[in-house]
């Protein structure tokens, strides 16, 4: 069993406070990484149709009791309709070898296509039918979230966004908190950036006897964010779970948050999506 603390989502499902991201792994690497992550104690595993690794993720899941797992996938814009969402769920579940998913997300809003509200209606129907335990969105801005809430009366349980000390997304997190939405962070340690070499982070890591990555993930946990770092390295997998035996001070939290806006510009979900 996992020793990771849990967060209860607004509809009652219980999700681990840290998980494994699997982009951009192929099937073979995903199978190995998921199996090792589960051995290390992970129980939340995140994949997506776009990653093309659901078959490998599913193989890696085998051997762990289903009721212990929290498996998330995400679907592309071609399925943004009520019927399309059911079709893509069935395809994802088959690739994963699962009878149901714990969490299904709209991967990007694709507002130029203007069908994400229909996709959200489809997700609501799937949850009501018991085919998914929880439903949510990915890369949605407050404006996108407000629209689905206004048009359906139902808020997502989770919104997965790019978030790290380089992009703290305070406005997004405030909106999420107001509507009972859990913030999940992809690229939580600033992949492709120099975040882990920043002097302020190195100093805090030395003070706690932790790695820079552990400090960043702990910063997210203390913000109430669920990080899903990607790793296929056993030592780093174990380190990414070892976040609950230390605590950052208010000053350390503020120092890390002060890095906001100092990374490269993230993808704009009003203009990018698949």
Protein backbone atom coordinates (compact mmCIF):
# COMPACT_ATOMS: atom_id res chain seq x y z
CA UNK A 1 0.00 0.00 0.00
CA UNK A 2 1.01 3.58 -0.62
CA UNK A 3 1.92 5.76 2.33
CA UNK A 4 1.14 8.92 0.36
CA UNK A 5 -1.52 11.19 1.92
CA UNK A 6 -4.80 11.50 0.03
CA UNK A 7 -7.07 14.33 -1.07
CA UNK A 8 -10.83 13.83 -1.37
CA UNK A 9 -12.27 15.21 -4.61
CA UNK A 10 -15.55 17.11 -4.70
CA UNK A 11 -17.58 14.10 -5.86
CA UNK A 12 -16.08 11.77 -3.24
CA UNK A 13 -13.23 9.94 -4.99
CA UNK A 14 -9.94 9.86 -3.06
CA UNK A 15 -6.73 10.72 -4.95
CA UNK A 16 -3.07 10.48 -3.83
CA UNK A 17 -1.29 13.81 -3.21
CA UNK A 18 1.55 12.95 -5.63
CA UNK A 19 1.58 10.83 -8.77
CA UNK A 20 3.62 9.59 -11.71
CA UNK A 21 3.58 11.42 -15.03
CA UNK A 22 4.34 9.32 -18.12
CA UNK A 23 4.88 11.83 -20.95
CA UNK A 24 6.82 11.40 -23.25
CA UNK A 25 7.49 7.70 -22.52
CA UNK A 26 6.85 5.02 -25.13
CA UNK A 27 5.08 1.77 -24.26
CA UNK A 28 8.19 -0.14 -23.18
CA UNK A 29 9.57 2.62 -20.96
CA UNK A 30 6.11 3.33 -19.53
CA UNK A 31 5.60 -0.32 -18.62
CA UNK A 32 8.90 -0.44 -16.75
CA UNK A 33 8.49 2.97 -15.09
CA UNK A 34 4.94 2.28 -13.92
CA UNK A 35 5.90 -1.11 -12.49
CA UNK A 36 8.87 0.42 -10.64
CA UNK A 37 6.78 3.36 -9.44
CA UNK A 38 4.17 1.02 -7.99
CA UNK A 39 6.92 -0.96 -6.24
CA UNK A 40 8.21 2.33 -4.80
CA UNK A 41 4.75 3.21 -3.45
CA UNK A 42 3.09 5.32 -6.14
CA UNK A 43 -0.61 4.69 -6.74
CA UNK A 44 -1.60 7.68 -8.92
CA UNK A 45 -0.54 7.14 -12.55
CA UNK A 46 -1.23 9.71 -15.28
CA UNK A 47 -1.34 9.02 -19.01
CA UNK A 48 -3.17 10.34 -22.08
CA UNK A 49 -4.35 9.31 -25.51
CA UNK A 50 -1.81 11.75 -26.97
CA UNK A 51 1.11 10.06 -25.19
CA UNK A 52 0.52 6.83 -27.15
CA UNK A 53 1.63 4.76 -24.17
CA UNK A 54 -1.63 3.59 -22.58
CA UNK A 55 -0.90 -0.03 -23.56
CA UNK A 56 2.47 0.11 -21.81
CA UNK A 57 1.02 1.88 -18.78
CA UNK A 58 -1.65 -0.81 -18.54
CA UNK A 59 0.95 -3.56 -18.62
CA UNK A 60 2.87 -1.85 -15.85
CA UNK A 61 -0.26 -1.71 -13.70
CA UNK A 62 -0.75 -5.47 -13.71
CA UNK A 63 -0.16 -7.18 -10.39
CA UNK A 64 -1.31 -4.27 -8.24
CA UNK A 65 -4.83 -4.58 -6.79
CA UNK A 66 -7.17 -2.40 -8.87
CA UNK A 67 -8.77 -0.82 -5.82
CA UNK A 68 -5.36 0.58 -4.77
CA UNK A 69 -4.79 2.34 -8.09
CA UNK A 70 -5.85 5.80 -9.25
CA UNK A 71 -5.46 5.86 -13.04
CA UNK A 72 -5.92 9.04 -15.06
CA UNK A 73 -6.12 9.53 -18.81
CA UNK A 74 -6.91 12.45 -21.11
CA UNK A 75 -8.48 12.68 -24.57
CA UNK A 76 -7.92 14.76 -27.70
CA UNK A 77 -10.13 17.35 -29.38
CA UNK A 78 -11.61 15.01 -31.98
CA UNK A 79 -13.71 13.47 -29.17
CA UNK A 80 -15.23 16.75 -28.00
CA UNK A 81 -18.87 15.67 -28.10
CA UNK A 82 -21.19 13.79 -25.75
CA UNK A 83 -20.97 10.57 -27.76
CA UNK A 84 -17.28 11.09 -28.58
CA UNK A 85 -16.33 11.12 -24.91
CA UNK A 86 -17.91 7.71 -24.36
CA UNK A 87 -16.10 6.36 -27.43
CA UNK A 88 -12.70 7.63 -26.29
CA UNK A 89 -13.23 6.33 -22.74
CA UNK A 90 -13.96 2.85 -24.04
CA UNK A 91 -10.84 2.97 -26.25
CA UNK A 92 -8.60 4.21 -23.41
CA UNK A 93 -9.94 1.61 -20.99
CA UNK A 94 -9.32 -1.15 -23.53
CA UNK A 95 -5.74 0.00 -24.18
CA UNK A 96 -5.12 0.19 -20.44
CA UNK A 97 -6.77 -3.16 -19.79
CA UNK A 98 -9.13 -1.63 -17.22
CA UNK A 99 -12.88 -1.82 -16.73
CA UNK A 100 -13.08 1.79 -15.59
CA UNK A 101 -10.89 4.87 -15.14
CA UNK A 102 -10.50 6.75 -11.89
CA UNK A 103 -10.17 10.14 -13.57
CA UNK A 104 -10.78 11.24 -17.17
CA UNK A 105 -9.77 14.71 -18.37
CA UNK A 106 -10.37 16.89 -21.41
CA UNK A 107 -6.72 17.33 -22.44
CA UNK A 108 -7.00 20.85 -23.92
CA UNK A 109 -10.02 23.18 -24.26
CA UNK A 110 -9.37 24.00 -27.95
CA UNK A 111 -11.70 27.04 -27.81
CA UNK A 112 -11.33 27.63 -31.56
CA UNK A 113 -13.20 24.34 -32.05
CA UNK A 114 -15.74 25.44 -29.39
CA UNK A 115 -16.90 21.97 -28.34
CA UNK A 116 -15.36 21.60 -24.90
CA UNK A 117 -18.69 22.22 -23.14
CA UNK A 118 -20.19 19.29 -25.08
CA UNK A 119 -17.19 17.20 -24.03
CA UNK A 120 -17.83 18.21 -20.43
CA UNK A 121 -21.50 17.17 -20.71
CA UNK A 122 -20.28 13.80 -21.97
CA UNK A 123 -17.98 13.42 -18.96
CA UNK A 124 -20.82 14.22 -16.57
CA UNK A 125 -22.88 11.43 -18.17
CA UNK A 126 -19.98 8.96 -17.83
CA UNK A 127 -19.60 9.74 -14.14
CA UNK A 128 -23.33 9.37 -13.57
CA UNK A 129 -23.19 5.99 -15.33
CA UNK A 130 -20.33 4.86 -13.05
CA UNK A 131 -17.88 4.42 -15.92
CA UNK A 132 -15.41 6.89 -14.38
CA UNK A 133 -15.00 7.75 -10.71
CA UNK A 134 -13.99 11.38 -11.24
CA UNK A 135 -13.93 13.88 -14.10
CA UNK A 136 -11.94 16.98 -14.86
CA UNK A 137 -10.05 19.16 -17.26
CA UNK A 138 -6.49 19.87 -18.29
CA UNK A 139 -4.97 23.21 -19.34
CA UNK A 140 -8.25 25.07 -18.77
CA UNK A 141 -8.03 28.74 -17.85
CA UNK A 142 -10.48 30.28 -15.36
CA UNK A 143 -12.49 31.62 -18.32
CA UNK A 144 -12.89 28.11 -19.76
CA UNK A 145 -13.79 26.71 -16.35
CA UNK A 146 -16.32 29.45 -15.71
CA UNK A 147 -18.05 28.65 -18.97
CA UNK A 148 -18.47 24.93 -18.25
CA UNK A 149 -19.75 25.76 -14.76
CA UNK A 150 -22.20 28.36 -16.12
CA UNK A 151 -23.51 26.08 -18.87
CA UNK A 152 -23.74 22.80 -16.94
CA UNK A 153 -23.83 23.76 -13.26
CA UNK A 154 -21.04 21.24 -12.63
CA UNK A 155 -17.42 22.15 -11.80
CA UNK A 156 -14.51 19.86 -12.70
CA UNK A 157 -13.06 17.89 -9.81
CA UNK A 158 -9.50 18.40 -11.06
CA UNK A 159 -7.79 20.84 -13.44
CA UNK A 160 -4.32 19.76 -14.52
CA UNK A 161 -2.10 22.69 -15.50
CA UNK A 162 1.56 23.48 -16.11
CA UNK A 163 2.78 24.73 -12.74
CA UNK A 164 6.10 25.15 -10.94
CA UNK A 165 7.84 27.95 -9.03
CA UNK A 166 8.56 29.44 -12.48
CA UNK A 167 4.81 29.69 -13.13
CA UNK A 168 2.89 29.65 -9.86
CA UNK A 169 -0.53 30.21 -11.50
CA UNK A 170 -1.93 32.06 -8.49
CA UNK A 171 -5.02 33.25 -10.39
CA UNK A 172 -5.79 29.73 -11.54
CA UNK A 173 -5.29 28.26 -8.07
CA UNK A 174 -7.51 30.92 -6.49
CA UNK A 175 -10.29 30.13 -8.97
CA UNK A 176 -9.89 26.41 -8.36
CA UNK A 177 -10.12 26.91 -4.60
CA UNK A 178 -13.31 28.95 -4.96
CA UNK A 179 -14.97 26.14 -6.92
CA UNK A 180 -13.69 23.04 -5.12
CA UNK A 181 -11.34 22.08 -7.97
CA UNK A 182 -8.08 20.30 -7.09
CA UNK A 183 -5.04 21.73 -8.89
CA UNK A 184 -2.79 19.08 -10.45
CA UNK A 185 0.64 20.12 -11.78
CA UNK A 186 2.24 18.79 -14.94
CA UNK A 187 5.91 19.59 -15.52
CA UNK A 188 6.06 20.31 -11.77
CA UNK A 189 9.86 20.57 -11.60
CA UNK A 190 10.15 22.86 -14.63
CA UNK A 191 11.29 20.40 -17.28
CA UNK A 192 13.57 22.02 -19.83
CA UNK A 193 14.37 24.96 -17.55
CA UNK A 194 17.19 25.87 -15.17
CA UNK A 195 14.87 25.75 -12.15
CA UNK A 196 16.77 23.00 -10.32
CA UNK A 197 20.01 25.03 -10.55
CA UNK A 198 18.59 28.25 -9.12
CA UNK A 199 20.73 29.36 -6.12
CA UNK A 200 17.73 30.00 -3.87
CA UNK A 201 16.49 26.46 -4.46
CA UNK A 202 19.92 24.90 -3.91
CA UNK A 203 20.24 26.76 -0.61
CA UNK A 204 16.84 25.57 0.64
CA UNK A 205 17.62 22.01 -0.45
CA UNK A 206 20.90 22.04 1.50
CA UNK A 207 19.13 23.35 4.58
CA UNK A 208 16.72 20.39 4.56
CA UNK A 209 19.08 17.69 3.33
CA UNK A 210 16.80 17.13 0.32
CA UNK A 211 17.27 17.31 -3.44
CA UNK A 212 16.18 20.45 -5.32
CA UNK A 213 13.43 18.42 -7.00
CA UNK A 214 12.11 17.25 -3.63
CA UNK A 215 11.97 20.85 -2.40
CA UNK A 216 10.01 21.95 -5.48
CA UNK A 217 7.55 19.08 -5.11
CA UNK A 218 7.18 19.85 -1.40
CA UNK A 219 6.44 23.50 -2.28
CA UNK A 220 3.60 22.25 -4.48
CA UNK A 221 2.27 19.87 -1.85
CA UNK A 222 2.19 22.70 0.72
CA UNK A 223 0.26 24.85 -1.76
CA UNK A 224 -2.35 22.10 -1.95
CA UNK A 225 -1.27 21.15 -5.47
CA UNK A 226 -0.95 17.51 -6.62
CA UNK A 227 2.32 17.18 -8.62
CA UNK A 228 2.79 14.39 -11.17
CA UNK A 229 6.55 14.34 -11.90
CA UNK A 230 7.75 12.06 -14.70
CA UNK A 231 10.63 9.72 -13.95
CA UNK A 232 11.80 6.30 -15.08
CA UNK A 233 14.68 6.22 -12.58
CA UNK A 234 14.12 4.10 -9.47
CA UNK A 235 16.12 6.36 -7.14
CA UNK A 236 14.30 9.49 -8.32
CA UNK A 237 10.95 7.72 -8.09
CA UNK A 238 11.63 6.99 -4.43
CA UNK A 239 12.83 10.56 -3.85
CA UNK A 240 9.69 11.96 -5.49
CA UNK A 241 7.59 10.16 -2.88
CA UNK A 242 9.73 11.26 0.09
CA UNK A 243 7.98 14.62 0.48
CA UNK A 244 6.09 14.15 3.70
CA UNK A 245 8.85 14.04 6.32
CA UNK A 246 9.86 17.70 6.10
CA UNK A 247 8.21 21.09 5.82
CA UNK A 248 9.23 24.35 4.18
CA UNK A 249 8.97 27.54 6.22
CA UNK A 250 6.71 30.40 5.16
CA UNK A 251 9.82 32.34 4.14
CA UNK A 252 11.13 29.46 2.03
CA UNK A 253 7.72 29.09 0.38
CA UNK A 254 7.73 32.81 -0.43
CA UNK A 255 11.27 32.68 -1.83
CA UNK A 256 10.28 29.92 -4.23
CA UNK A 257 7.04 31.65 -5.22
CA UNK A 258 9.06 34.78 -6.00
CA UNK A 259 10.55 32.91 -8.99
CA UNK A 260 7.15 33.26 -10.69
CA UNK A 261 7.36 34.51 -14.28
CA UNK A 262 11.07 33.82 -14.66
CA UNK A 263 10.79 30.83 -16.98
CA UNK A 264 10.10 30.53 -20.69
CA UNK A 265 6.53 31.35 -21.73
CA UNK A 266 4.27 28.30 -21.32
CA UNK A 267 1.82 27.10 -23.96
CA UNK A 268 -1.30 29.26 -24.24
CA UNK A 269 -4.38 27.03 -24.17
CA UNK A 270 -6.41 29.66 -26.06
CA UNK A 271 -4.06 29.07 -29.00
CA UNK A 272 -2.52 25.61 -28.54
CA UNK A 273 -4.13 22.21 -28.09
CA UNK A 274 -4.73 18.79 -29.61
